Amino acid sequence: MHLLRDVHELLERYPQDEPLGQWAGQLQQFYLEAKAVGQKVKGFSKPERVWARQALEERLLELATPYLKADVPQRVLCLRIDRFLAELLTFVELPMVPSDNNAAERAIRPQVVARKISGGTRSAKGSATKSALATLFSTWHLQDRNPFFACRLLLNSP
């Protein structure tokens, strides 16, 4: 969850801010509880999962609301929680959605490392082409398809 990483960065920037530390601890605890609820409700009916998600959204909003208009370090993150509340707890309602984005970040890591090592491309068009090709080849890999034949099929299709 990017939000927790950003909270960690805030804590490093404001190590003496005790209210921020308490809020960060509450947010971390909330996330752990939400993950547990997400696991628990996997076998529940859709309406029960929706109810669980809504209950968690209310709790998360309670953590953010006091800081939405306050001049505190966590204000921007609380605004983000408020803005994206409907998307933050999707994993509770939809069991096929993971509670984190680790798989997605692991999937793009090789391209990021390659870009850093090579220095990237020399143009926006080159970057777009490289991204499109990386997406195709990664997808074919996930689908267990031979990249040579998949590429050939793509090039020969009308």
C-alpha atoms as a PDB file:
ATOM      1  CA  MET A   1       0.000   0.000   0.000  1.00  0.00           C
ATOM      2  CA  HIS A   2       1.632   3.220  -1.189  1.00  0.00           C
ATOM      3  CA  LEU A   3      -0.179   5.141   1.504  1.00  0.00           C
ATOM      4  CA  LEU A   4       1.743   3.322   4.243  1.00  0.00           C
ATOM      5  CA  ARG A   5       5.039   3.964   2.482  1.00  0.00           C
ATOM      6  CA  ASP A   6       4.189   7.653   2.311  1.00  0.00           C
ATOM      7  CA  VAL A   7       3.298   7.629   6.021  1.00  0.00           C
ATOM      8  CA  HIS A   8       6.702   6.078   6.740  1.00  0.00           C
ATOM      9  CA  GLU A   9       8.385   8.875   4.770  1.00  0.00           C
ATOM     10  CA  LEU A  10       6.433  11.444   6.799  1.00  0.00           C
ATOM     11  CA  LEU A  11       7.617   9.818  10.018  1.00  0.00           C
ATOM     12  CA  GLU A  12      11.208  10.061   8.819  1.00  0.00           C
ATOM     13  CA  ARG A  13      10.707  13.740   7.943  1.00  0.00           C
ATOM     14  CA  TYR A  14       8.969  14.579  11.251  1.00  0.00           C
ATOM     15  CA  PRO A  15      10.451  12.168  13.822  1.00  0.00           C
ATOM     16  CA  GLN A  16       9.540  14.379  16.810  1.00  0.00           C
ATOM     17  CA  ASP A  17       5.867  14.803  15.866  1.00  0.00           C
ATOM     18  CA  GLU A  18       4.101  12.599  18.448  1.00  0.00           C
ATOM     19  CA  PRO A  19       0.536  13.115  17.121  1.00  0.00           C
ATOM     20  CA  LEU A  20       1.781  12.082  13.666  1.00  0.00           C
ATOM     21  CA  GLY A  21       3.390   8.986  15.179  1.00  0.00           C
ATOM     22  CA  GLN A  22       0.164   8.048  16.946  1.00  0.00           C
ATOM     23  CA  TRP A  23      -1.863   8.566  13.777  1.00  0.00           C
ATOM     24  CA  ALA A  24       0.618   6.510  11.775  1.00  0.00           C
ATOM     25  CA  GLY A  25       0.351   3.686  14.305  1.00  0.00           C
ATOM     26  CA  GLN A  26      -3.432   3.772  14.118  1.00  0.00           C
ATOM     27  CA  LEU A  27      -3.305   3.671  10.317  1.00  0.00           C
ATOM     28  CA  GLN A  28      -0.877   0.730  10.347  1.00  0.00           C
ATOM     29  CA  GLN A  29      -3.110  -1.133  12.821  1.00  0.00           C
ATOM     30  CA  PHE A  30      -6.150  -0.364  10.675  1.00  0.00           C
ATOM     31  CA  TYR A  31      -4.439  -1.797   7.589  1.00  0.00           C
ATOM     32  CA  LEU A  32      -3.521  -5.017   9.409  1.00  0.00           C
ATOM     33  CA  GLU A  33      -7.105  -5.377  10.641  1.00  0.00           C
ATOM     34  CA  ALA A  34      -8.486  -4.647   7.154  1.00  0.00           C
ATOM     35  CA  LYS A  35      -6.248  -7.351   5.673  1.00  0.00           C
ATOM     36  CA  ALA A  36      -7.515  -9.806   8.305  1.00  0.00           C
ATOM     37  CA  VAL A  37     -11.122  -8.868   7.526  1.00  0.00           C
ATOM     38  CA  GLY A  38     -10.385  -9.299   3.809  1.00  0.00           C
ATOM     39  CA  GLN A  39      -9.196 -12.853   4.466  1.00  0.00           C
ATOM     40  CA  LYS A  40     -12.082 -13.622   6.805  1.00  0.00           C
ATOM     41  CA  VAL A  41     -14.860 -12.507   4.437  1.00  0.00           C
ATOM     42  CA  LYS A  42     -13.625 -14.377   1.349  1.00  0.00           C
ATOM     43  CA  GLY A  43     -16.240 -17.080   1.878  1.00  0.00           C
ATOM     44  CA  PHE A  44     -19.030 -14.633   2.709  1.00  0.00           C
ATOM     45  CA  SER A  45     -21.820 -13.559   0.381  1.00  0.00           C
ATOM     46  CA  LYS A  46     -21.418 -10.440  -1.756  1.00  0.00           C
ATOM     47  CA  PRO A  47     -23.739  -8.299   0.440  1.00  0.00           C
ATOM     48  CA  GLU A  48     -21.793  -9.343   3.555  1.00  0.00           C
ATOM     49  CA  ARG A  49     -18.486  -8.389   1.896  1.00  0.00           C
ATOM     50  CA  VAL A  50     -19.952  -5.036   0.795  1.00  0.00           C
ATOM     51  CA  TRP A  51     -21.118  -4.388   4.366  1.00  0.00           C
ATOM     52  CA  ALA A  52     -17.646  -5.265   5.726  1.00  0.00           C
ATOM     53  CA  ARG A  53     -16.015  -2.917   3.221  1.00  0.00           C
ATOM     54  CA  GLN A  54     -18.379  -0.068   4.101  1.00  0.00           C
ATOM     55  CA  ALA A  55     -17.726  -0.548   7.813  1.00  0.00           C
ATOM     56  CA  LEU A  56     -13.981  -0.395   7.205  1.00  0.00           C
ATOM     57  CA  GLU A  57     -14.363   2.678   4.987  1.00  0.00           C
ATOM     58  CA  GLU A  58     -16.185   4.462   7.804  1.00  0.00           C
ATOM     59  CA  ARG A  59     -13.376   3.623  10.225  1.00  0.00           C
ATOM     60  CA  LEU A  60     -10.708   4.778   7.791  1.00  0.00           C
ATOM     61  CA  LEU A  61     -12.551   8.019   7.155  1.00  0.00           C
ATOM     62  CA  GLU A  62     -12.719   8.567  10.928  1.00  0.00           C
ATOM     63  CA  LEU A  63      -8.915   8.368  10.990  1.00  0.00           C
ATOM     64  CA  ALA A  64      -8.589  10.912   8.183  1.00  0.00           C
ATOM     65  CA  THR A  65     -11.385  13.422   8.824  1.00  0.00           C
ATOM     66  CA  PRO A  66      -9.823  15.310  11.773  1.00  0.00           C
ATOM     67  CA  TYR A  67      -6.825  16.237   9.600  1.00  0.00           C
ATOM     68  CA  LEU A  68      -8.532  17.174   6.324  1.00  0.00           C
ATOM     69  CA  LYS A  69      -8.428  20.893   7.088  1.00  0.00           C
ATOM     70  CA  ALA A  70      -5.722  20.970   9.754  1.00  0.00           C
ATOM     71  CA  ASP A  71      -2.222  22.317   9.209  1.00  0.00           C
ATOM     72  CA  VAL A  72      -0.453  19.020   9.972  1.00  0.00           C
ATOM     73  CA  PRO A  73       2.001  16.838   8.029  1.00  0.00           C
ATOM     74  CA  GLN A  74      -0.572  14.087   7.412  1.00  0.00           C
ATOM     75  CA  ARG A  75      -3.129  16.442   5.817  1.00  0.00           C
ATOM     76  CA  VAL A  76      -2.183  15.567   2.219  1.00  0.00           C
ATOM     77  CA  LEU A  77      -2.413  11.850   2.941  1.00  0.00           C
ATOM     78  CA  CYS A  78      -5.772  12.304   4.651  1.00  0.00           C
ATOM     79  CA  LEU A  79      -7.020  14.190   1.605  1.00  0.00           C
ATOM     80  CA  ARG A  80      -5.848  11.252  -0.521  1.00  0.00           C
ATOM     81  CA  ILE A  81      -7.737   8.825   1.747  1.00  0.00           C
ATOM     82  CA  ASP A  82     -10.861  10.958   1.407  1.00  0.00           C
ATOM     83  CA  ARG A  83     -10.522  11.197  -2.364  1.00  0.00           C
ATOM     84  CA  PHE A  84      -9.750   7.518  -3.040  1.00  0.00           C
ATOM     85  CA  LEU A  85     -11.718   5.920  -0.202  1.00  0.00           C
ATOM     86  CA  ALA A  86     -13.862   3.847  -2.575  1.00  0.00           C
ATOM     87  CA  GLU A  87     -10.748   2.264  -4.099  1.00  0.00           C
ATOM     88  CA  LEU A  88      -8.600   1.650  -1.032  1.00  0.00           C
ATOM     89  CA  LEU A  89     -10.541  -1.329   0.343  1.00  0.00           C
ATOM     90  CA  THR A  90     -11.576  -3.081  -2.869  1.00  0.00           C
ATOM     91  CA  PHE A  91      -9.824  -6.247  -1.668  1.00  0.00           C
ATOM     92  CA  VAL A  92     -12.447  -6.694   1.080  1.00  0.00           C
ATOM     93  CA  GLU A  93     -15.358  -6.777  -1.354  1.00  0.00           C
ATOM     94  CA  LEU A  94     -13.631  -8.591  -4.212  1.00  0.00           C
ATOM     95  CA  PRO A  95     -11.671 -11.642  -3.000  1.00  0.00           C
ATOM     96  CA  MET A  96      -9.648 -11.871  -6.234  1.00  0.00           C
ATOM     97  CA  VAL A  97      -8.059  -8.458  -5.589  1.00  0.00           C
ATOM     98  CA  PRO A  98      -4.917  -8.590  -3.431  1.00  0.00           C
ATOM     99  CA  SER A  99      -4.622  -6.262  -0.429  1.00  0.00           C
ATOM    100  CA  ASP A 100      -1.349  -4.882  -1.760  1.00  0.00           C
ATOM    101  CA  ASN A 101       0.185  -4.138  -5.123  1.00  0.00           C
ATOM    102  CA  ASN A 102       3.355  -6.162  -4.597  1.00  0.00           C
ATOM    103  CA  ALA A 103       2.745  -8.391  -7.638  1.00  0.00           C
ATOM    104  CA  ALA A 104       2.359  -5.387  -9.920  1.00  0.00           C
ATOM    105  CA  GLU A 105       5.491  -3.762  -8.544  1.00  0.00           C
ATOM    106  CA  ARG A 106       7.466  -6.997  -8.922  1.00  0.00           C
ATOM    107  CA  ALA A 107       6.210  -7.337 -12.501  1.00  0.00           C
ATOM    108  CA  ILE A 108       7.532  -3.935 -13.583  1.00  0.00           C
ATOM    109  CA  ARG A 109      10.767  -4.086 -11.586  1.00  0.00           C
ATOM    110  CA  PRO A 110      12.857  -5.668 -14.400  1.00  0.00           C
ATOM    111  CA  GLN A 111      11.849  -2.858 -16.788  1.00  0.00           C
ATOM    112  CA  VAL A 112      12.686  -0.214 -14.173  1.00  0.00           C
ATOM    113  CA  VAL A 113      16.096  -1.759 -13.497  1.00  0.00           C
ATOM    114  CA  ALA A 114      16.801  -2.034 -17.230  1.00  0.00           C
ATOM    115  CA  ARG A 115      15.828   1.613 -17.740  1.00  0.00           C
ATOM    116  CA  LYS A 116      18.135   2.725 -14.918  1.00  0.00           C
ATOM    117  CA  ILE A 117      21.066   0.668 -16.218  1.00  0.00           C
ATOM    118  CA  SER A 118      20.657   1.741 -19.838  1.00  0.00           C
ATOM    119  CA  GLY A 119      19.854   5.363 -19.092  1.00  0.00           C
ATOM    120  CA  GLY A 120      16.484   5.061 -20.803  1.00  0.00           C
ATOM    121  CA  THR A 121      15.595   5.925 -24.348  1.00  0.00           C
ATOM    122  CA  ARG A 122      16.450   9.101 -26.192  1.00  0.00           C
ATOM    123  CA  SER A 123      12.918  10.180 -27.100  1.00  0.00           C
ATOM    124  CA  ALA A 124       9.293  10.069 -25.973  1.00  0.00           C
ATOM    125  CA  LYS A 125       8.473   7.860 -28.982  1.00  0.00           C
ATOM    126  CA  GLY A 126      11.261   5.468 -28.017  1.00  0.00           C
ATOM    127  CA  SER A 127       9.962   5.306 -24.441  1.00  0.00           C
ATOM    128  CA  ALA A 128       6.415   4.597 -25.655  1.00  0.00           C
ATOM    129  CA  THR A 129       7.678   1.858 -28.001  1.00  0.00           C
ATOM    130  CA  LYS A 130       9.806   0.260 -25.280  1.00  0.00           C
ATOM    131  CA  SER A 131       6.854   0.332 -22.854  1.00  0.00           C
ATOM    132  CA  ALA A 132       4.507  -1.234 -25.400  1.00  0.00           C
ATOM    133  CA  LEU A 133       6.989  -3.997 -26.214  1.00  0.00           C
ATOM    134  CA  ALA A 134       7.680  -4.664 -22.524  1.00  0.00           C
ATOM    135  CA  THR A 135       3.927  -4.943 -21.912  1.00  0.00           C
ATOM    136  CA  LEU A 136       3.473  -7.379 -24.805  1.00  0.00           C
ATOM    137  CA  PHE A 137       6.386  -9.601 -23.811  1.00  0.00           C
ATOM    138  CA  SER A 138       5.408  -9.587 -20.119  1.00  0.00           C
ATOM    139  CA  THR A 139       1.831 -10.516 -21.002  1.00  0.00           C
ATOM    140  CA  TRP A 140       2.967 -13.335 -23.265  1.00  0.00           C
ATOM    141  CA  HIS A 141       5.236 -14.588 -20.498  1.00  0.00           C
ATOM    142  CA  LEU A 142       2.344 -14.589 -18.002  1.00  0.00           C
ATOM    143  CA  GLN A 143       0.197 -16.428 -20.538  1.00  0.00           C
ATOM    144  CA  ASP A 144       2.956 -19.023 -21.016  1.00  0.00           C
ATOM    145  CA  ARG A 145       3.139 -18.186 -24.715  1.00  0.00           C
ATOM    146  CA  ASN A 146       6.249 -18.404 -26.843  1.00  0.00           C
ATOM    147  CA  PRO A 147       7.217 -14.755 -27.521  1.00  0.00           C
ATOM    148  CA  PHE A 148       8.606 -15.578 -30.975  1.00  0.00           C
ATOM    149  CA  PHE A 149       5.367 -17.169 -32.172  1.00  0.00           C
ATOM    150  CA  ALA A 150       3.171 -14.584 -30.425  1.00  0.00           C
ATOM    151  CA  CYS A 151       5.130 -11.746 -32.029  1.00  0.00           C
ATOM    152  CA  ARG A 152       5.010 -13.441 -35.425  1.00  0.00           C
ATOM    153  CA  LEU A 153       1.244 -13.943 -35.100  1.00  0.00           C
ATOM    154  CA  LEU A 154       0.815 -10.296 -34.138  1.00  0.00           C
ATOM    155  CA  LEU A 155       2.880  -9.059 -37.077  1.00  0.00           C
ATOM    156  CA  ASN A 156       1.094 -11.307 -39.572  1.00  0.00           C
ATOM    157  CA  SER A 157      -2.439 -10.491 -38.432  1.00  0.00           C
ATOM    158  CA  PRO A 158      -4.469  -8.085 -40.570  1.00  0.00           C
END
